[in-house]
């Protein structure tokens, strides 16, 4: 891994940790049914989707294609 890529990875990790720390000041994150890794994953995906709307659209299309709630949604 190049120095630039490694520095970017460290920066992203720091940003995610800082944002989760700020969120923890307002909300009880330990009360949520998510592990620390899951919270970090959600924060990373949110940052990706905020910066890259095309990626957000692709991910949303994949989720809609799976339809985990069944073949017919209930009203």
C-alpha atoms as a PDB file:
ATOM      1  CA  UNK A   1       0.000   0.000   0.000  1.00  0.00           C
ATOM      2  CA  UNK A   2       1.393   3.388  -0.952  1.00  0.00           C
ATOM      3  CA  UNK A   3       1.991   6.103   1.606  1.00  0.00           C
ATOM      4  CA  UNK A   4      -0.766   8.223   0.141  1.00  0.00           C
ATOM      5  CA  UNK A   5      -3.292   5.365   0.297  1.00  0.00           C
ATOM      6  CA  UNK A   6      -2.242   4.499   3.834  1.00  0.00           C
ATOM      7  CA  UNK A   7      -2.526   8.143   4.928  1.00  0.00           C
ATOM      8  CA  UNK A   8      -6.002   8.360   3.370  1.00  0.00           C
ATOM      9  CA  UNK A   9      -7.082   5.178   5.141  1.00  0.00           C
ATOM     10  CA  UNK A  10      -5.864   6.554   8.483  1.00  0.00           C
ATOM     11  CA  UNK A  11      -7.625   9.860   7.823  1.00  0.00           C
ATOM     12  CA  UNK A  12     -10.923   8.151   6.971  1.00  0.00           C
ATOM     13  CA  UNK A  13     -10.698   6.002  10.100  1.00  0.00           C
ATOM     14  CA  UNK A  14     -10.106   9.100  12.226  1.00  0.00           C
ATOM     15  CA  UNK A  15     -13.043  10.948  10.646  1.00  0.00           C
ATOM     16  CA  UNK A  16     -15.379   7.997  11.215  1.00  0.00           C
ATOM     17  CA  UNK A  17     -14.258   7.625  14.837  1.00  0.00           C
ATOM     18  CA  UNK A  18     -14.676  11.361  15.471  1.00  0.00           C
ATOM     19  CA  UNK A  19     -18.153  11.419  13.954  1.00  0.00           C
ATOM     20  CA  UNK A  20     -19.224   8.423  16.033  1.00  0.00           C
ATOM     21  CA  UNK A  21     -17.815  10.095  19.157  1.00  0.00           C
ATOM     22  CA  UNK A  22     -19.819  13.273  18.436  1.00  0.00           C
ATOM     23  CA  UNK A  23     -22.930  11.203  17.810  1.00  0.00           C
ATOM     24  CA  UNK A  24     -22.383   9.317  21.077  1.00  0.00           C
ATOM     25  CA  UNK A  25     -22.520  12.637  22.938  1.00  0.00           C
ATOM     26  CA  UNK A  26     -26.111  13.098  21.736  1.00  0.00           C
ATOM     27  CA  UNK A  27     -27.375   9.513  21.553  1.00  0.00           C
ATOM     28  CA  UNK A  28     -26.932   6.332  23.535  1.00  0.00           C
ATOM     29  CA  UNK A  29     -25.069   4.257  20.950  1.00  0.00           C
ATOM     30  CA  UNK A  30     -24.629   1.363  23.377  1.00  0.00           C
ATOM     31  CA  UNK A  31     -28.419   1.054  23.564  1.00  0.00           C
ATOM     32  CA  UNK A  32     -28.643   0.374  19.832  1.00  0.00           C
ATOM     33  CA  UNK A  33     -28.627  -3.249  18.638  1.00  0.00           C
ATOM     34  CA  UNK A  34     -25.359  -2.753  16.691  1.00  0.00           C
ATOM     35  CA  UNK A  35     -21.812  -3.776  17.449  1.00  0.00           C
ATOM     36  CA  UNK A  36     -18.937  -1.292  17.184  1.00  0.00           C
ATOM     37  CA  UNK A  37     -17.913  -2.768  13.830  1.00  0.00           C
ATOM     38  CA  UNK A  38     -21.447  -2.425  12.484  1.00  0.00           C
ATOM     39  CA  UNK A  39     -21.610   1.216  13.587  1.00  0.00           C
ATOM     40  CA  UNK A  40     -18.290   1.922  11.872  1.00  0.00           C
ATOM     41  CA  UNK A  41     -19.508   0.188   8.722  1.00  0.00           C
ATOM     42  CA  UNK A  42     -22.700   2.272   8.699  1.00  0.00           C
ATOM     43  CA  UNK A  43     -20.712   5.473   9.203  1.00  0.00           C
ATOM     44  CA  UNK A  44     -18.330   4.563   6.358  1.00  0.00           C
ATOM     45  CA  UNK A  45     -21.230   3.795   4.009  1.00  0.00           C
ATOM     46  CA  UNK A  46     -22.891   7.068   4.907  1.00  0.00           C
ATOM     47  CA  UNK A  47     -19.710   8.988   4.079  1.00  0.00           C
ATOM     48  CA  UNK A  48     -19.388   7.119   0.778  1.00  0.00           C
ATOM     49  CA  UNK A  49     -22.989   7.774  -0.212  1.00  0.00           C
ATOM     50  CA  UNK A  50     -22.763  11.441   0.740  1.00  0.00           C
ATOM     51  CA  UNK A  51     -19.697  11.959  -1.452  1.00  0.00           C
ATOM     52  CA  UNK A  52     -20.730   9.653  -4.292  1.00  0.00           C
ATOM     53  CA  UNK A  53     -24.435   9.718  -5.228  1.00  0.00           C
ATOM     54  CA  UNK A  54     -23.918   7.214  -8.063  1.00  0.00           C
ATOM     55  CA  UNK A  55     -22.624   4.632  -5.614  1.00  0.00           C
ATOM     56  CA  UNK A  56     -25.590   5.349  -3.333  1.00  0.00           C
ATOM     57  CA  UNK A  57     -27.983   4.732  -6.214  1.00  0.00           C
ATOM     58  CA  UNK A  58     -26.300   1.467  -7.145  1.00  0.00           C
ATOM     59  CA  UNK A  59     -26.405   0.220  -3.549  1.00  0.00           C
ATOM     60  CA  UNK A  60     -30.059   1.202  -3.193  1.00  0.00           C
ATOM     61  CA  UNK A  61     -30.914  -0.618  -6.431  1.00  0.00           C
ATOM     62  CA  UNK A  62     -29.196  -3.776  -5.123  1.00  0.00           C
ATOM     63  CA  UNK A  63     -31.168  -3.582  -1.867  1.00  0.00           C
ATOM     64  CA  UNK A  64     -34.441  -3.115  -3.730  1.00  0.00           C
ATOM     65  CA  UNK A  65     -33.649  -6.057  -6.030  1.00  0.00           C
ATOM     66  CA  UNK A  66     -33.276  -8.443  -3.080  1.00  0.00           C
ATOM     67  CA  UNK A  67     -36.594  -7.488  -1.405  1.00  0.00           C
ATOM     68  CA  UNK A  68     -36.013  -9.176   1.961  1.00  0.00           C
ATOM     69  CA  UNK A  69     -39.594  -8.392   3.009  1.00  0.00           C
ATOM     70  CA  UNK A  70     -41.097 -10.845   0.507  1.00  0.00           C
ATOM     71  CA  UNK A  71     -42.514 -10.730  -2.958  1.00  0.00           C
ATOM     72  CA  UNK A  72     -45.509  -8.519  -2.155  1.00  0.00           C
ATOM     73  CA  UNK A  73     -45.214  -5.588   0.242  1.00  0.00           C
ATOM     74  CA  UNK A  74     -48.055  -5.152   2.686  1.00  0.00           C
ATOM     75  CA  UNK A  75     -49.869  -1.853   3.064  1.00  0.00           C
END
